[in-house]
Amino acid sequence: MKTILLAISGSIAFYKSYELISLFKKEGFRVKVLLSNGLLKFASRLSFEALADELLCEANESWQNYNNHIAFSKDADIVLFAPASVNSINKLANGISDTLFIQTLMAAKAPLIIAPAANSAMYLHFSTQKSLQILKQNGVKIIEPIYKKLACKDEGIGALAEIEDIFHFIKRELFKEEFFCGKSVIVSGGGTKEKIDDVRCISNFSSGKMAKELAFAFYYLGADVVLLSSVEFKTPFQFLAFESSKDLKALLKRFEEGDFLIMCAAVSDFVPKYQKGKIKKSEAGLNLELNLNEDLLKTCKFKGKKIGFKMELDAQNALKNAELSLKEKKLDMVCLNVLGEKNHFGADFNELIFITQDESARSGFKSKKVLAFELAKMCQKL
């Protein structure tokens, strides 16, 4: 279990730290909080004690236990200073350790991440900018504030970064691995829509959930991720939408130089003959003329490792068909998914069989989030 030390200073954005603690706790992290004197003018100590695992402030400082500026941060895997006020930023950068809060931050040996929150004029003041530069030069990472209408009614740069963005940033810092840092990973997901006319299409029931979890897993592990999906998600990495297999083909062509292609998209096997406008129902029925679609995974000229997904309903012949797909499409790995009562379209849990040239491994029935990390680990062996 990873431990996060969340340092909260006297910024009016303090209330967002409650949501941040909740997100970290739901993810299974242990959260310790460090409260400044300025923060306690806005909020009660009790409100943070109700959420966090441990708490340190001047009121409960003690040398009889771990509630002191030397010991409190020793078990932290990362220190997140958010929201960070201008006063505390300038003090920390210049070593003015006149409070328990700054003393604890200075004593911490874990990586430090700072998310400032301040009035625009105060944030852009030369002293603040100089302090941030000093901190950056000494290995501190800054989550830049955003432009919006501030609590003081001014409009400008200085608002605390979005809570979800801070959460993703911290999780990436905690889980990144050297192998994936600098690697480019392209993930495709969701089903294609092939037009019959201008109001109808042929599609499938793919939810895009597996692709989403894969993209996030590779992102947290440190990779440069691009998610190509027909299902829209909010992401901290590059997201590009497609609709038809033709759209997806054009997007894949843009990223042929990547290190890994995870082809999770459910591309239609057939495309109908397209008719402009709307086919009238008065035309005595609709007869579709279907043509075999191009196999995008087989024909794409991706330079790196290619991983495909194979969905089967016939459990008896599924493995044989997946192995054939591995060979015919010249893939580095196939992830076999045999649909059943538990692992249906849109489910949050699934079972995969990872098949390479050298081995096959069954994952067992797990959440798609867990499966995504297992697939990423398999990629390290390719």
Protein backbone atom coordinates (compact mmCIF):
# COMPACT_ATOMS: atom_id res chain seq x y z
CA MET A 1 0.00 0.00 0.00
CA LYS A 2 1.41 3.37 -1.05
CA THR A 3 1.41 6.24 1.45
CA ILE A 4 0.71 9.83 0.41
CA LEU A 5 1.52 12.78 2.65
CA LEU A 6 -0.88 15.59 1.70
CA ALA A 7 0.25 19.01 2.94
CA ILE A 8 -2.55 21.59 2.97
CA SER A 9 -1.84 25.29 3.43
CA GLY A 10 -4.10 28.29 4.04
CA SER A 11 -5.58 28.72 0.58
CA ILE A 12 -9.28 29.31 0.00
CA ALA A 13 -9.11 26.24 -2.27
CA PHE A 14 -8.55 24.07 0.83
CA TYR A 15 -12.03 22.51 0.51
CA LYS A 16 -10.94 20.65 -2.62
CA SER A 17 -8.49 18.65 -0.50
CA TYR A 18 -11.44 16.73 0.98
CA GLU A 19 -12.28 15.39 -2.48
CA LEU A 20 -8.63 14.63 -3.13
CA ILE A 21 -8.32 12.60 0.08
CA SER A 22 -11.49 10.71 -0.82
CA LEU A 23 -10.15 9.83 -4.30
CA PHE A 24 -6.87 8.57 -2.86
CA LYS A 25 -8.63 6.51 -0.20
CA LYS A 26 -10.99 4.91 -2.72
CA GLU A 27 -7.93 3.89 -4.73
CA GLY A 28 -6.51 2.08 -1.70
CA PHE A 29 -3.80 4.58 -0.75
CA ARG A 30 -2.91 5.43 2.84
CA VAL A 31 -3.27 9.19 3.33
CA LYS A 32 -1.55 11.30 5.98
CA VAL A 33 -2.33 15.01 6.20
CA LEU A 34 -0.19 17.92 7.33
CA LEU A 35 -2.19 21.04 8.24
CA SER A 36 -0.81 24.59 8.34
CA ASN A 37 -1.90 27.22 10.86
CA GLY A 38 -3.40 29.21 7.99
CA LEU A 39 -5.51 26.25 6.90
CA LEU A 40 -6.95 25.84 10.40
CA LYS A 41 -8.38 29.37 10.16
CA PHE A 42 -10.67 28.03 7.43
CA ALA A 43 -11.34 24.44 8.53
CA SER A 44 -11.46 22.27 11.63
CA ARG A 45 -8.87 19.64 12.44
CA LEU A 46 -11.72 17.20 13.15
CA SER A 47 -12.97 17.27 9.57
CA PHE A 48 -9.61 15.98 8.32
CA GLU A 49 -9.28 13.43 11.12
CA ALA A 50 -12.55 11.91 9.88
CA LEU A 51 -11.07 11.30 6.42
CA ALA A 52 -7.32 10.77 6.74
CA ASP A 53 -5.33 7.93 8.31
CA GLU A 54 -3.04 10.22 10.28
CA LEU A 55 -2.81 13.95 10.93
CA LEU A 56 -0.15 16.40 12.07
CA CYS A 57 -0.59 20.02 13.08
CA GLU A 58 0.90 22.21 15.80
CA ALA A 59 -1.92 21.30 18.20
CA ASN A 60 -0.98 17.59 18.30
CA GLU A 61 2.80 17.88 17.87
CA SER A 62 4.66 15.44 20.13
CA TRP A 63 8.12 13.92 20.54
CA GLN A 64 6.63 10.95 22.39
CA ASN A 65 5.32 9.45 19.13
CA TYR A 66 5.57 10.09 15.36
CA ASN A 67 3.71 13.41 15.46
CA ASN A 68 6.72 15.62 14.89
CA HIS A 69 8.34 17.24 11.87
CA ILE A 70 11.14 14.64 11.60
CA ALA A 71 9.22 11.39 11.94
CA PHE A 72 5.86 12.19 10.33
CA SER A 73 7.03 12.00 6.70
CA LYS A 74 9.41 9.04 6.97
CA ASP A 75 6.99 6.42 5.64
CA ALA A 76 5.61 8.60 2.82
CA ASP A 77 6.14 7.43 -0.75
CA ILE A 78 5.28 10.89 -2.08
CA VAL A 79 4.54 14.34 -0.66
CA LEU A 80 1.79 16.37 -2.31
CA PHE A 81 1.59 20.03 -1.29
CA ALA A 82 -1.91 21.05 -2.43
CA PRO A 83 -3.24 23.63 -2.35
CA ALA A 84 0.02 25.50 -1.91
CA SER A 85 -0.27 29.15 -0.86
CA VAL A 86 2.16 31.84 -2.01
CA ASN A 87 3.33 32.35 1.57
CA SER A 88 4.27 28.70 2.07
CA ILE A 89 5.84 28.39 -1.40
CA ASN A 90 8.13 31.36 -0.75
CA LYS A 91 9.03 30.13 2.73
CA LEU A 92 9.83 26.62 1.53
CA ALA A 93 11.97 27.80 -1.40
CA ASN A 94 14.00 30.09 0.85
CA GLY A 95 14.31 27.77 3.85
CA ILE A 96 12.28 29.88 6.26
CA SER A 97 11.31 27.07 8.63
CA ASP A 98 9.50 29.04 11.29
CA THR A 99 6.47 26.72 11.46
CA LEU A 100 5.92 23.01 12.01
CA PHE A 101 4.34 22.90 8.53
CA ILE A 102 7.47 24.13 6.67
CA GLN A 103 9.79 22.16 8.95
CA THR A 104 7.97 18.93 8.06
CA LEU A 105 8.13 19.67 4.32
CA MET A 106 11.86 20.39 4.59
CA ALA A 107 12.51 17.20 6.55
CA ALA A 108 10.65 14.98 4.07
CA LYS A 109 12.82 12.82 1.81
CA ALA A 110 10.09 11.55 -0.51
CA PRO A 111 9.53 13.22 -3.91
CA LEU A 112 7.68 16.53 -3.56
CA ILE A 113 4.86 17.67 -5.86
CA ILE A 114 3.42 21.19 -5.49
CA ALA A 115 0.05 22.43 -6.78
CA PRO A 116 -0.16 26.22 -6.24
CA ALA A 117 -3.43 28.10 -5.70
CA ALA A 118 -3.41 31.89 -5.40
CA ASN A 119 -4.63 35.24 -6.69
CA SER A 120 -3.17 35.90 -10.16
CA ALA A 121 -1.12 38.92 -9.08
CA MET A 122 0.36 37.03 -6.14
CA TYR A 123 1.08 33.93 -8.23
CA LEU A 124 2.73 35.95 -11.01
CA HIS A 125 4.70 38.16 -8.58
CA PHE A 126 8.44 37.93 -9.26
CA SER A 127 9.12 36.52 -5.77
CA THR A 128 6.68 33.64 -6.24
CA GLN A 129 7.94 32.86 -9.74
CA LYS A 130 11.55 32.94 -8.50
CA SER A 131 10.65 30.59 -5.64
CA LEU A 132 8.93 28.15 -8.00
CA GLN A 133 12.00 28.21 -10.23
CA ILE A 134 14.25 27.41 -7.25
CA LEU A 135 12.02 24.50 -6.28
CA LYS A 136 12.00 23.14 -9.86
CA GLN A 137 15.78 23.36 -10.06
CA ASN A 138 15.95 21.20 -6.95
CA GLY A 139 13.77 18.40 -8.28
CA VAL A 140 10.32 19.54 -7.16
CA LYS A 141 7.55 18.99 -9.70
CA ILE A 142 4.89 21.65 -10.12
CA ILE A 143 1.29 20.97 -11.16
CA GLU A 144 0.55 24.28 -12.84
CA PRO A 145 -2.52 26.28 -11.76
CA ILE A 146 -5.29 26.97 -14.28
CA TYR A 147 -6.99 30.07 -15.68
CA LYS A 148 -10.52 30.74 -14.41
CA LYS A 149 -12.62 33.08 -12.30
CA LEU A 150 -11.02 33.03 -8.85
CA ALA A 151 -12.60 33.15 -5.39
CA CYS A 152 -11.64 36.83 -5.13
CA LYS A 153 -13.75 37.48 -8.29
CA ASP A 154 -10.68 38.25 -10.40
CA GLU A 155 -10.25 36.25 -13.58
CA GLY A 156 -6.85 34.84 -14.43
CA ILE A 157 -4.18 32.23 -13.78
CA GLY A 158 -3.88 30.91 -10.25
CA ALA A 159 -6.74 28.49 -9.58
CA LEU A 160 -5.84 25.06 -8.25
CA ALA A 161 -5.51 22.46 -11.01
CA GLU A 162 -8.50 20.17 -11.49
CA ILE A 163 -8.68 17.55 -8.73
CA GLU A 164 -8.83 14.63 -11.20
CA ASP A 165 -5.72 15.94 -12.98
CA ILE A 166 -3.84 16.12 -9.67
CA PHE A 167 -5.01 12.59 -8.82
CA HIS A 168 -3.80 11.17 -12.17
CA PHE A 169 -0.48 13.03 -11.88
CA ILE A 170 0.22 11.61 -8.42
CA LYS A 171 -0.80 8.08 -9.38
CA ARG A 172 1.53 8.22 -12.39
CA GLU A 173 4.40 9.42 -10.16
CA LEU A 174 3.77 6.55 -7.75
CA PHE A 175 3.48 3.74 -10.32
CA LYS A 176 5.75 4.71 -13.21
CA GLU A 177 8.39 2.17 -14.20
CA GLU A 178 11.64 2.81 -16.02
CA PHE A 179 10.75 0.35 -18.80
CA PHE A 180 7.71 2.36 -19.91
CA CYS A 181 9.10 5.89 -19.46
CA GLY A 182 9.61 7.36 -22.91
CA LYS A 183 7.72 4.53 -24.62
CA SER A 184 4.82 5.46 -26.91
CA VAL A 185 1.70 3.32 -26.57
CA ILE A 186 -1.28 3.53 -28.93
CA VAL A 187 -4.53 2.00 -27.64
CA SER A 188 -7.67 1.67 -29.76
CA GLY A 189 -11.09 0.89 -28.34
CA GLY A 190 -14.83 0.93 -28.86
CA GLY A 191 -16.83 -0.30 -31.84
CA THR A 192 -16.87 1.16 -35.33
CA LYS A 193 -19.98 2.51 -37.03
CA GLU A 194 -20.26 1.70 -40.73
CA LYS A 195 -22.85 3.81 -42.57
CA ILE A 196 -25.77 2.25 -44.41
CA ASP A 197 -27.14 5.68 -45.27
CA ASP A 198 -26.90 9.08 -43.59
CA VAL A 199 -29.07 8.06 -40.62
CA ARG A 200 -28.33 4.33 -40.12
CA CYS A 201 -25.24 2.24 -39.48
CA ILE A 202 -23.88 -1.22 -38.67
CA SER A 203 -22.12 -1.35 -35.31
CA ASN A 204 -21.55 -3.65 -32.32
CA PHE A 205 -21.91 -3.70 -28.54
CA SER A 206 -18.31 -2.82 -27.58
CA SER A 207 -18.30 -0.49 -24.53
CA GLY A 208 -14.69 0.70 -24.87
CA LYS A 209 -14.11 0.00 -21.15
CA MET A 210 -11.16 -2.37 -21.65
CA ALA A 211 -9.38 0.10 -23.92
CA LYS A 212 -9.92 2.88 -21.39
CA GLU A 213 -8.41 0.81 -18.56
CA LEU A 214 -5.49 -0.20 -20.77
CA ALA A 215 -4.74 3.39 -21.71
CA PHE A 216 -4.80 4.49 -18.06
CA ALA A 217 -2.62 1.55 -16.97
CA PHE A 218 0.09 2.39 -19.50
CA TYR A 219 -0.18 6.07 -18.58
CA TYR A 220 0.26 5.35 -14.86
CA LEU A 221 3.27 3.15 -15.67
CA GLY A 222 4.92 6.15 -17.34
CA ALA A 223 4.24 5.69 -21.06
CA ASP A 224 3.26 8.39 -23.54
CA VAL A 225 -0.27 7.24 -24.34
CA VAL A 226 -2.65 7.99 -27.19
CA LEU A 227 -6.19 6.60 -26.90
CA LEU A 228 -8.11 6.18 -30.14
CA SER A 229 -11.72 5.48 -29.24
CA SER A 230 -15.27 5.68 -30.56
CA VAL A 231 -16.43 6.06 -26.95
CA GLU A 232 -15.48 9.38 -25.40
CA PHE A 233 -13.65 9.53 -22.05
CA LYS A 234 -11.99 12.36 -20.16
CA THR A 235 -8.28 11.58 -20.02
CA PRO A 236 -5.02 13.21 -18.87
CA PHE A 237 -3.37 11.94 -22.07
CA GLN A 238 -4.07 12.42 -25.78
CA PHE A 239 -7.51 11.28 -26.88
CA LEU A 240 -8.64 11.07 -30.52
CA ALA A 241 -12.13 10.00 -31.55
CA PHE A 242 -13.10 7.88 -34.53
CA GLU A 243 -16.41 6.66 -35.88
CA SER A 244 -15.86 4.34 -38.84
CA SER A 245 -13.11 1.84 -39.62
CA LYS A 246 -11.96 4.29 -42.30
CA ASP A 247 -11.51 6.96 -39.61
CA LEU A 248 -9.57 4.54 -37.42
CA LYS A 249 -7.31 3.54 -40.31
CA ALA A 250 -6.39 7.20 -40.90
CA LEU A 251 -5.57 7.66 -37.20
CA LEU A 252 -3.45 4.50 -37.05
CA LYS A 253 -1.41 5.77 -39.99
CA ARG A 254 -0.43 8.84 -37.93
CA PHE A 255 1.15 6.73 -35.19
CA GLU A 256 3.06 4.03 -37.08
CA GLU A 257 6.32 4.86 -35.30
CA GLY A 258 5.04 3.91 -31.83
CA ASP A 259 6.48 1.26 -29.52
CA PHE A 260 3.26 -0.65 -28.73
CA LEU A 261 -0.09 -0.87 -30.49
CA ILE A 262 -2.88 -2.35 -28.37
CA MET A 263 -5.69 -3.00 -30.87
CA CYS A 264 -8.70 -3.39 -28.59
CA ALA A 265 -11.17 -1.72 -30.95
CA ALA A 266 -14.03 -3.87 -32.24
CA VAL A 267 -13.71 -3.17 -35.96
CA SER A 268 -16.69 -4.31 -38.02
CA ASP A 269 -15.92 -7.39 -40.13
CA PHE A 270 -18.34 -6.18 -42.78
CA VAL A 271 -19.17 -2.84 -44.36
CA PRO A 272 -22.46 -2.14 -46.12
CA LYS A 273 -22.81 -0.50 -49.49
CA TYR A 274 -23.46 3.15 -48.60
CA GLN A 275 -26.43 5.03 -50.02
CA LYS A 276 -26.54 8.82 -49.74
CA GLY A 277 -29.52 10.36 -47.95
CA LYS A 278 -32.12 8.24 -46.16
CA ILE A 279 -33.46 4.97 -47.50
CA LYS A 280 -37.24 5.21 -47.28
CA LYS A 281 -39.10 2.44 -45.46
CA SER A 282 -41.71 2.64 -48.23
CA GLU A 283 -39.21 0.88 -50.52
CA ALA A 284 -40.64 -2.51 -49.47
CA GLY A 285 -37.90 -3.59 -47.10
CA LEU A 286 -34.18 -2.98 -46.82
CA ASN A 287 -31.71 -5.35 -48.47
CA LEU A 288 -28.14 -4.80 -47.32
CA GLU A 289 -25.20 -5.50 -49.57
CA LEU A 290 -22.26 -6.33 -47.27
CA ASN A 291 -18.60 -6.50 -48.20
CA LEU A 292 -15.75 -7.96 -46.17
CA ASN A 293 -13.94 -5.14 -44.35
CA GLU A 294 -10.18 -4.60 -44.36
CA ASP A 295 -8.37 -6.15 -41.39
CA LEU A 296 -6.73 -3.00 -40.01
CA LEU A 297 -4.47 -4.82 -37.54
CA LYS A 298 -3.16 -7.10 -40.27
CA THR A 299 -2.56 -4.38 -42.84
CA CYS A 300 -1.30 -1.48 -40.68
CA LYS A 301 2.42 -0.76 -40.97
CA PHE A 302 3.08 -0.29 -37.27
CA LYS A 303 6.80 -0.42 -36.48
CA GLY A 304 6.62 -1.53 -32.86
CA LYS A 305 5.00 -4.45 -31.05
CA LYS A 306 1.44 -5.30 -32.13
CA ILE A 307 -1.05 -6.73 -29.63
CA GLY A 308 -4.48 -7.81 -30.83
CA PHE A 309 -7.74 -8.76 -29.12
CA LYS A 310 -9.74 -11.77 -30.23
CA MET A 311 -13.36 -12.16 -29.16
CA GLU A 312 -14.93 -15.62 -29.46
CA LEU A 313 -18.23 -17.23 -28.53
CA ASP A 314 -17.20 -20.79 -29.37
CA ALA A 315 -15.12 -21.87 -26.37
CA GLN A 316 -14.14 -25.16 -28.01
CA ASN A 317 -12.32 -23.58 -30.95
CA ALA A 318 -11.42 -20.22 -29.40
CA LEU A 319 -7.77 -20.98 -28.57
CA LYS A 320 -7.10 -22.47 -32.00
CA ASN A 321 -8.61 -19.44 -33.72
CA ALA A 322 -6.59 -17.04 -31.55
CA GLU A 323 -3.33 -18.86 -32.30
CA LEU A 324 -4.15 -18.72 -36.01
CA SER A 325 -4.78 -14.97 -35.72
CA LEU A 326 -1.41 -14.52 -34.00
CA LYS A 327 0.35 -16.20 -36.91
CA GLU A 328 -1.62 -14.77 -39.84
CA LYS A 329 -1.51 -11.16 -38.63
CA LYS A 330 2.12 -11.42 -37.46
CA LEU A 331 1.26 -10.25 -33.97
CA ASP A 332 3.43 -10.25 -30.88
CA MET A 333 0.52 -11.15 -28.62
CA VAL A 334 -3.17 -11.97 -28.81
CA CYS A 335 -5.55 -11.40 -25.89
CA LEU A 336 -8.33 -13.97 -26.19
CA ASN A 337 -11.71 -13.07 -24.74
CA VAL A 338 -14.35 -15.83 -24.75
CA LEU A 339 -17.71 -14.23 -24.02
CA GLY A 340 -19.99 -15.85 -21.46
CA GLU A 341 -22.58 -15.07 -18.81
CA LYS A 342 -20.12 -13.26 -16.54
CA ASN A 343 -17.89 -11.57 -19.10
CA HIS A 344 -20.45 -10.03 -21.41
CA PHE A 345 -20.34 -6.78 -23.41
CA GLY A 346 -20.07 -3.80 -21.07
CA ALA A 347 -19.02 -5.87 -18.03
CA ASP A 348 -16.44 -4.46 -15.60
CA PHE A 349 -14.84 -7.90 -15.10
CA ASN A 350 -13.39 -10.30 -17.64
CA GLU A 351 -11.03 -13.20 -18.19
CA LEU A 352 -8.30 -13.08 -20.82
CA ILE A 353 -5.86 -15.61 -22.21
CA PHE A 354 -2.58 -13.94 -23.18
CA ILE A 355 -1.06 -15.79 -26.15
CA THR A 356 2.44 -15.17 -27.53
CA GLN A 357 4.73 -17.19 -29.79
CA ASP A 358 6.28 -18.83 -26.73
CA GLU A 359 3.49 -19.23 -24.18
CA SER A 360 -0.12 -18.72 -23.19
CA ALA A 361 -1.33 -17.61 -19.77
CA ARG A 362 -4.85 -17.46 -18.37
CA SER A 363 -5.57 -14.37 -16.27
CA GLY A 364 -8.49 -15.67 -14.24
CA PHE A 365 -11.69 -13.67 -13.75
CA LYS A 366 -10.65 -10.15 -12.67
CA SER A 367 -11.58 -6.49 -13.01
CA LYS A 368 -10.61 -4.87 -16.29
CA LYS A 369 -8.45 -2.43 -14.33
CA VAL A 370 -6.36 -5.31 -12.94
CA LEU A 371 -6.27 -7.06 -16.33
CA ALA A 372 -4.94 -3.88 -17.94
CA PHE A 373 -1.91 -3.84 -15.63
CA GLU A 374 -1.34 -7.57 -16.22
CA LEU A 375 -1.36 -7.02 -19.98
CA ALA A 376 1.11 -4.15 -19.59
CA LYS A 377 3.43 -6.42 -17.58
CA MET A 378 3.18 -9.03 -20.35
CA CYS A 379 4.30 -6.38 -22.83
CA GLN A 380 7.61 -6.08 -21.00
CA LYS A 381 8.43 -9.68 -22.01
CA LEU A 382 7.85 -9.16 -25.73
